[in-house]
Amino acid sequence: MALTKQERRDRIRKRIRKIVSGTDQTPRLSIFRSNKQIYAQLIDDRTGNTLAHASSLDKEIAAAEGNKTEKAAQVGKLIAEKAKAINIETVVFDRGGYLYHGRVKSVADAAREGGLKF
């Protein structure tokens, strides 16, 4: 029986989440990618709180020119800035079942350039 893309992604996501968990000192950098937008959150899994978030829907990113990969890089820079503002330097990366390629890689690389360590 063949799996759909969503079922395959859910299996991978669950496999990742068994291992990756965030705390208040090292939150989980969670990525969600839709067909048009990309979202990033810093999550403390112990309390279930989102500490910071950024997306391609933010006004400064949505108004900028560029393709989806370039906007994803801007999301990575923005989440790194917001993390530094709340004194977070290290995170654990949760790619959310997506391949580490394209927009997901672009967010991760830009967050590293912004000063996050993972």
N, C-alpha and C. Protein backbone atom coordinates (compact mmCIF):
# COMPACT_ATOMS: atom_id res chain seq x y z
N MET A 1 0.83 -1.17 0.00
CA MET A 1 0.00 0.00 0.00
C MET A 1 0.89 1.25 0.00
N ALA A 2 0.67 2.12 -0.94
CA ALA A 2 1.48 3.34 -1.06
C ALA A 2 0.96 4.41 -0.11
N LEU A 3 1.89 5.12 0.48
CA LEU A 3 1.54 6.21 1.38
C LEU A 3 1.36 7.50 0.59
N THR A 4 0.47 8.34 1.06
CA THR A 4 0.36 9.66 0.45
C THR A 4 1.51 10.53 0.97
N LYS A 5 1.72 11.67 0.36
CA LYS A 5 2.78 12.57 0.80
C LYS A 5 2.57 13.00 2.24
N GLN A 6 1.32 13.28 2.60
CA GLN A 6 1.01 13.73 3.96
C GLN A 6 1.28 12.62 4.98
N GLU A 7 0.90 11.39 4.67
CA GLU A 7 1.14 10.27 5.58
C GLU A 7 2.64 10.03 5.76
N ARG A 8 3.39 10.13 4.67
CA ARG A 8 4.83 9.96 4.73
C ARG A 8 5.46 11.05 5.60
N ARG A 9 5.02 12.30 5.40
CA ARG A 9 5.56 13.41 6.18
C ARG A 9 5.22 13.26 7.65
N ASP A 10 4.00 12.79 7.95
CA ASP A 10 3.60 12.59 9.35
C ASP A 10 4.46 11.51 10.02
N ARG A 11 4.77 10.46 9.31
CA ARG A 11 5.62 9.42 9.87
C ARG A 11 7.01 9.96 10.19
N ILE A 12 7.57 10.70 9.24
CA ILE A 12 8.89 11.29 9.45
C ILE A 12 8.85 12.28 10.61
N ARG A 13 7.79 13.12 10.66
CA ARG A 13 7.66 14.12 11.71
C ARG A 13 7.61 13.47 13.09
N LYS A 14 6.86 12.39 13.21
CA LYS A 14 6.76 11.68 14.49
C LYS A 14 8.09 11.06 14.87
N ARG A 15 8.82 10.55 13.91
CA ARG A 15 10.13 9.97 14.17
C ARG A 15 11.09 11.03 14.70
N ILE A 16 11.02 12.23 14.11
CA ILE A 16 11.88 13.33 14.55
C ILE A 16 11.48 13.79 15.95
N ARG A 17 10.17 13.92 16.20
CA ARG A 17 9.68 14.45 17.47
C ARG A 17 9.93 13.50 18.65
N LYS A 18 10.18 12.20 18.38
CA LYS A 18 10.55 11.30 19.45
C LYS A 18 11.90 11.70 20.04
N ILE A 19 12.74 12.28 19.21
CA ILE A 19 14.11 12.62 19.61
C ILE A 19 14.24 14.09 20.00
N VAL A 20 13.63 14.99 19.23
CA VAL A 20 13.83 16.43 19.39
C VAL A 20 12.80 17.01 20.33
N SER A 21 13.30 17.70 21.38
CA SER A 21 12.41 18.37 22.32
C SER A 21 13.09 19.65 22.79
N GLY A 22 12.31 20.71 22.97
CA GLY A 22 12.87 21.99 23.36
C GLY A 22 12.62 22.31 24.82
N THR A 23 13.53 23.12 25.38
CA THR A 23 13.37 23.63 26.74
C THR A 23 13.35 25.14 26.68
N ASP A 24 13.27 25.78 27.85
CA ASP A 24 13.27 27.24 27.83
C ASP A 24 14.65 27.80 27.46
N GLN A 25 15.72 27.07 27.77
CA GLN A 25 17.08 27.53 27.43
C GLN A 25 17.45 27.17 25.99
N THR A 26 17.05 25.98 25.52
CA THR A 26 17.30 25.56 24.14
C THR A 26 15.98 25.14 23.52
N PRO A 27 15.21 26.10 23.01
CA PRO A 27 13.90 25.77 22.45
C PRO A 27 14.02 25.04 21.11
N ARG A 28 12.91 24.50 20.69
CA ARG A 28 12.83 23.79 19.41
C ARG A 28 12.46 24.80 18.33
N LEU A 29 13.28 24.87 17.28
CA LEU A 29 12.98 25.72 16.13
C LEU A 29 12.18 24.88 15.15
N SER A 30 10.88 25.07 15.16
CA SER A 30 9.96 24.27 14.36
C SER A 30 9.62 25.00 13.06
N ILE A 31 9.67 24.27 11.95
CA ILE A 31 9.39 24.83 10.64
C ILE A 31 8.10 24.23 10.10
N PHE A 32 7.23 25.08 9.55
CA PHE A 32 6.08 24.61 8.80
C PHE A 32 6.12 25.29 7.44
N ARG A 33 5.96 24.49 6.41
CA ARG A 33 6.05 24.98 5.04
C ARG A 33 4.75 24.64 4.33
N SER A 34 4.07 25.68 3.84
CA SER A 34 2.91 25.45 2.99
C SER A 34 3.34 25.70 1.55
N ASN A 35 2.42 25.62 0.62
CA ASN A 35 2.80 25.85 -0.77
C ASN A 35 3.25 27.28 -1.03
N LYS A 36 2.68 28.24 -0.30
CA LYS A 36 3.01 29.64 -0.56
C LYS A 36 3.82 30.28 0.56
N GLN A 37 3.66 29.86 1.80
CA GLN A 37 4.27 30.53 2.94
C GLN A 37 5.19 29.58 3.70
N ILE A 38 5.99 30.18 4.60
CA ILE A 38 6.81 29.39 5.51
C ILE A 38 6.77 30.04 6.88
N TYR A 39 6.73 29.23 7.92
CA TYR A 39 6.57 29.70 9.28
C TYR A 39 7.66 29.07 10.15
N ALA A 40 8.16 29.82 11.13
CA ALA A 40 9.15 29.31 12.08
C ALA A 40 8.71 29.71 13.48
N GLN A 41 8.86 28.78 14.43
CA GLN A 41 8.51 29.05 15.83
C GLN A 41 9.61 28.53 16.73
N LEU A 42 9.84 29.24 17.83
CA LEU A 42 10.69 28.75 18.90
C LEU A 42 9.75 28.27 20.01
N ILE A 43 9.82 26.97 20.32
CA ILE A 43 8.84 26.35 21.21
C ILE A 43 9.54 25.73 22.42
N ASP A 44 9.00 26.03 23.61
CA ASP A 44 9.41 25.36 24.84
C ASP A 44 8.44 24.21 25.05
N ASP A 45 8.90 22.98 24.84
CA ASP A 45 8.01 21.82 24.91
C ASP A 45 7.64 21.44 26.34
N ARG A 46 8.41 21.89 27.32
CA ARG A 46 8.07 21.56 28.71
C ARG A 46 6.79 22.26 29.15
N THR A 47 6.63 23.52 28.73
CA THR A 47 5.43 24.26 29.10
C THR A 47 4.43 24.36 27.97
N GLY A 48 4.86 24.04 26.76
CA GLY A 48 3.97 24.13 25.60
C GLY A 48 3.81 25.54 25.08
N ASN A 49 4.75 26.43 25.41
CA ASN A 49 4.65 27.82 24.99
C ASN A 49 5.50 28.11 23.76
N THR A 50 4.99 28.99 22.91
CA THR A 50 5.77 29.52 21.80
C THR A 50 6.48 30.77 22.30
N LEU A 51 7.81 30.77 22.21
CA LEU A 51 8.60 31.88 22.72
C LEU A 51 8.75 33.00 21.69
N ALA A 52 8.85 32.63 20.42
CA ALA A 52 8.96 33.62 19.35
C ALA A 52 8.50 32.96 18.05
N HIS A 53 8.08 33.79 17.10
CA HIS A 53 7.64 33.25 15.82
C HIS A 53 7.95 34.25 14.72
N ALA A 54 8.06 33.73 13.52
CA ALA A 54 8.26 34.56 12.33
C ALA A 54 7.66 33.81 11.15
N SER A 55 7.20 34.56 10.17
CA SER A 55 6.65 33.92 8.97
C SER A 55 6.82 34.83 7.78
N SER A 56 6.59 34.27 6.62
CA SER A 56 6.67 35.05 5.39
C SER A 56 5.47 35.96 5.24
N LEU A 57 4.52 35.89 6.17
CA LEU A 57 3.37 36.80 6.15
C LEU A 57 3.65 38.09 6.92
N ASP A 58 4.77 38.15 7.67
CA ASP A 58 5.12 39.38 8.37
C ASP A 58 5.25 40.51 7.37
N LYS A 59 4.86 41.71 7.78
CA LYS A 59 4.74 42.83 6.84
C LYS A 59 6.02 43.13 6.08
N GLU A 60 7.16 43.17 6.79
CA GLU A 60 8.41 43.53 6.11
C GLU A 60 8.86 42.46 5.13
N ILE A 61 8.54 41.21 5.40
CA ILE A 61 8.93 40.12 4.49
C ILE A 61 7.95 40.02 3.33
N ALA A 62 6.66 40.16 3.61
CA ALA A 62 5.65 40.05 2.55
C ALA A 62 5.80 41.17 1.54
N ALA A 63 6.24 42.34 1.98
CA ALA A 63 6.39 43.48 1.07
C ALA A 63 7.66 43.40 0.24
N ALA A 64 8.61 42.56 0.66
CA ALA A 64 9.89 42.47 -0.04
C ALA A 64 9.75 41.69 -1.34
N GLU A 65 10.60 42.02 -2.27
CA GLU A 65 10.65 41.30 -3.54
C GLU A 65 11.48 40.03 -3.36
N GLY A 66 11.25 39.06 -4.21
CA GLY A 66 12.05 37.85 -4.18
C GLY A 66 11.18 36.61 -4.28
N ASN A 67 11.86 35.50 -4.53
CA ASN A 67 11.14 34.24 -4.63
C ASN A 67 10.94 33.63 -3.23
N LYS A 68 10.31 32.47 -3.17
CA LYS A 68 9.97 31.87 -1.89
C LYS A 68 11.21 31.49 -1.08
N THR A 69 12.28 31.07 -1.75
CA THR A 69 13.50 30.69 -1.05
C THR A 69 14.15 31.91 -0.42
N GLU A 70 14.15 33.03 -1.11
CA GLU A 70 14.72 34.26 -0.56
C GLU A 70 13.90 34.76 0.62
N LYS A 71 12.59 34.64 0.53
CA LYS A 71 11.73 35.05 1.65
C LYS A 71 11.93 34.11 2.84
N ALA A 72 12.20 32.84 2.58
CA ALA A 72 12.46 31.89 3.66
C ALA A 72 13.75 32.28 4.39
N ALA A 73 14.74 32.77 3.66
CA ALA A 73 15.97 33.23 4.28
C ALA A 73 15.70 34.44 5.18
N GLN A 74 14.82 35.31 4.75
CA GLN A 74 14.46 36.46 5.57
C GLN A 74 13.74 36.02 6.85
N VAL A 75 12.93 34.97 6.75
CA VAL A 75 12.26 34.42 7.93
C VAL A 75 13.31 33.88 8.91
N GLY A 76 14.34 33.21 8.39
CA GLY A 76 15.41 32.70 9.24
C GLY A 76 16.15 33.81 9.96
N LYS A 77 16.43 34.90 9.25
CA LYS A 77 17.11 36.04 9.89
C LYS A 77 16.22 36.67 10.96
N LEU A 78 14.94 36.79 10.66
CA LEU A 78 14.00 37.41 11.61
C LEU A 78 13.86 36.57 12.87
N ILE A 79 13.77 35.25 12.74
CA ILE A 79 13.62 34.40 13.92
C ILE A 79 14.91 34.44 14.76
N ALA A 80 16.07 34.58 14.10
CA ALA A 80 17.33 34.69 14.84
C ALA A 80 17.37 36.00 15.62
N GLU A 81 16.90 37.09 15.02
CA GLU A 81 16.85 38.38 15.72
C GLU A 81 15.92 38.30 16.94
N LYS A 82 14.76 37.68 16.76
CA LYS A 82 13.81 37.58 17.86
C LYS A 82 14.35 36.68 18.97
N ALA A 83 15.11 35.64 18.60
CA ALA A 83 15.72 34.76 19.59
C ALA A 83 16.77 35.51 20.40
N LYS A 84 17.59 36.30 19.72
CA LYS A 84 18.60 37.08 20.43
C LYS A 84 17.96 38.09 21.38
N ALA A 85 16.81 38.64 20.98
CA ALA A 85 16.13 39.61 21.82
C ALA A 85 15.65 39.01 23.14
N ILE A 86 15.40 37.69 23.15
CA ILE A 86 14.97 37.04 24.39
C ILE A 86 16.08 36.16 24.96
N ASN A 87 17.34 36.48 24.59
CA ASN A 87 18.55 35.84 25.12
C ASN A 87 18.61 34.33 24.86
N ILE A 88 18.31 33.93 23.65
CA ILE A 88 18.44 32.53 23.25
C ILE A 88 19.50 32.44 22.16
N GLU A 89 20.49 31.57 22.39
CA GLU A 89 21.57 31.41 21.41
C GLU A 89 21.58 30.04 20.76
N THR A 90 21.13 29.02 21.49
CA THR A 90 21.14 27.66 20.94
C THR A 90 19.71 27.14 20.84
N VAL A 91 19.45 26.41 19.77
CA VAL A 91 18.13 25.81 19.55
C VAL A 91 18.34 24.38 19.03
N VAL A 92 17.28 23.60 19.06
CA VAL A 92 17.29 22.31 18.38
C VAL A 92 16.37 22.45 17.17
N PHE A 93 16.80 21.94 16.04
CA PHE A 93 16.11 22.17 14.77
C PHE A 93 15.13 21.04 14.50
N ASP A 94 13.88 21.42 14.22
CA ASP A 94 12.83 20.47 13.87
C ASP A 94 12.35 20.81 12.46
N ARG A 95 12.73 19.99 11.50
CA ARG A 95 12.38 20.29 10.11
C ARG A 95 10.95 19.89 9.78
N GLY A 96 10.24 19.32 10.71
CA GLY A 96 8.82 19.06 10.57
C GLY A 96 8.46 18.01 9.53
N GLY A 97 9.36 17.08 9.27
CA GLY A 97 9.07 16.03 8.31
C GLY A 97 9.40 16.41 6.88
N TYR A 98 9.84 17.65 6.66
CA TYR A 98 10.23 18.08 5.32
C TYR A 98 11.69 17.73 5.08
N LEU A 99 12.06 17.56 3.83
CA LEU A 99 13.45 17.31 3.50
C LEU A 99 14.27 18.55 3.80
N TYR A 100 15.51 18.35 4.24
CA TYR A 100 16.41 19.48 4.51
C TYR A 100 16.96 19.95 3.17
N HIS A 101 16.14 20.75 2.50
CA HIS A 101 16.43 21.15 1.13
C HIS A 101 15.57 22.35 0.81
N GLY A 102 16.03 23.21 -0.06
CA GLY A 102 15.21 24.32 -0.52
C GLY A 102 14.90 25.33 0.56
N ARG A 103 13.61 25.58 0.77
CA ARG A 103 13.19 26.62 1.71
C ARG A 103 13.53 26.27 3.15
N VAL A 104 13.45 25.00 3.52
CA VAL A 104 13.77 24.59 4.89
C VAL A 104 15.25 24.83 5.16
N LYS A 105 16.09 24.48 4.22
CA LYS A 105 17.53 24.71 4.34
C LYS A 105 17.84 26.20 4.37
N SER A 106 17.11 26.97 3.60
CA SER A 106 17.31 28.41 3.54
C SER A 106 17.01 29.06 4.90
N VAL A 107 15.94 28.63 5.56
CA VAL A 107 15.62 29.15 6.89
C VAL A 107 16.74 28.79 7.87
N ALA A 108 17.19 27.54 7.84
CA ALA A 108 18.22 27.08 8.77
C ALA A 108 19.53 27.83 8.56
N ASP A 109 19.95 27.99 7.32
CA ASP A 109 21.21 28.68 7.04
C ASP A 109 21.15 30.14 7.46
N ALA A 110 20.04 30.80 7.20
CA ALA A 110 19.90 32.21 7.57
C ALA A 110 19.84 32.36 9.09
N ALA A 111 19.22 31.41 9.79
CA ALA A 111 19.18 31.47 11.26
C ALA A 111 20.59 31.29 11.82
N ARG A 112 21.37 30.41 11.21
CA ARG A 112 22.77 30.24 11.64
C ARG A 112 23.56 31.52 11.41
N GLU A 113 23.36 32.14 10.24
CA GLU A 113 24.05 33.39 9.96
C GLU A 113 23.63 34.48 10.93
N GLY A 114 22.38 34.44 11.39
CA GLY A 114 21.87 35.40 12.35
C GLY A 114 22.40 35.19 13.76
N GLY A 115 23.09 34.08 14.00
CA GLY A 115 23.71 33.86 15.29
C GLY A 115 23.18 32.69 16.10
N LEU A 116 22.17 31.98 15.60
CA LEU A 116 21.68 30.82 16.33
C LEU A 116 22.61 29.63 16.12
N LYS A 117 22.74 28.81 17.15
CA LYS A 117 23.58 27.61 17.07
C LYS A 117 22.69 26.39 17.19
N PHE A 118 22.83 25.46 16.25
CA PHE A 118 22.14 24.17 16.32
C PHE A 118 22.83 23.16 15.46
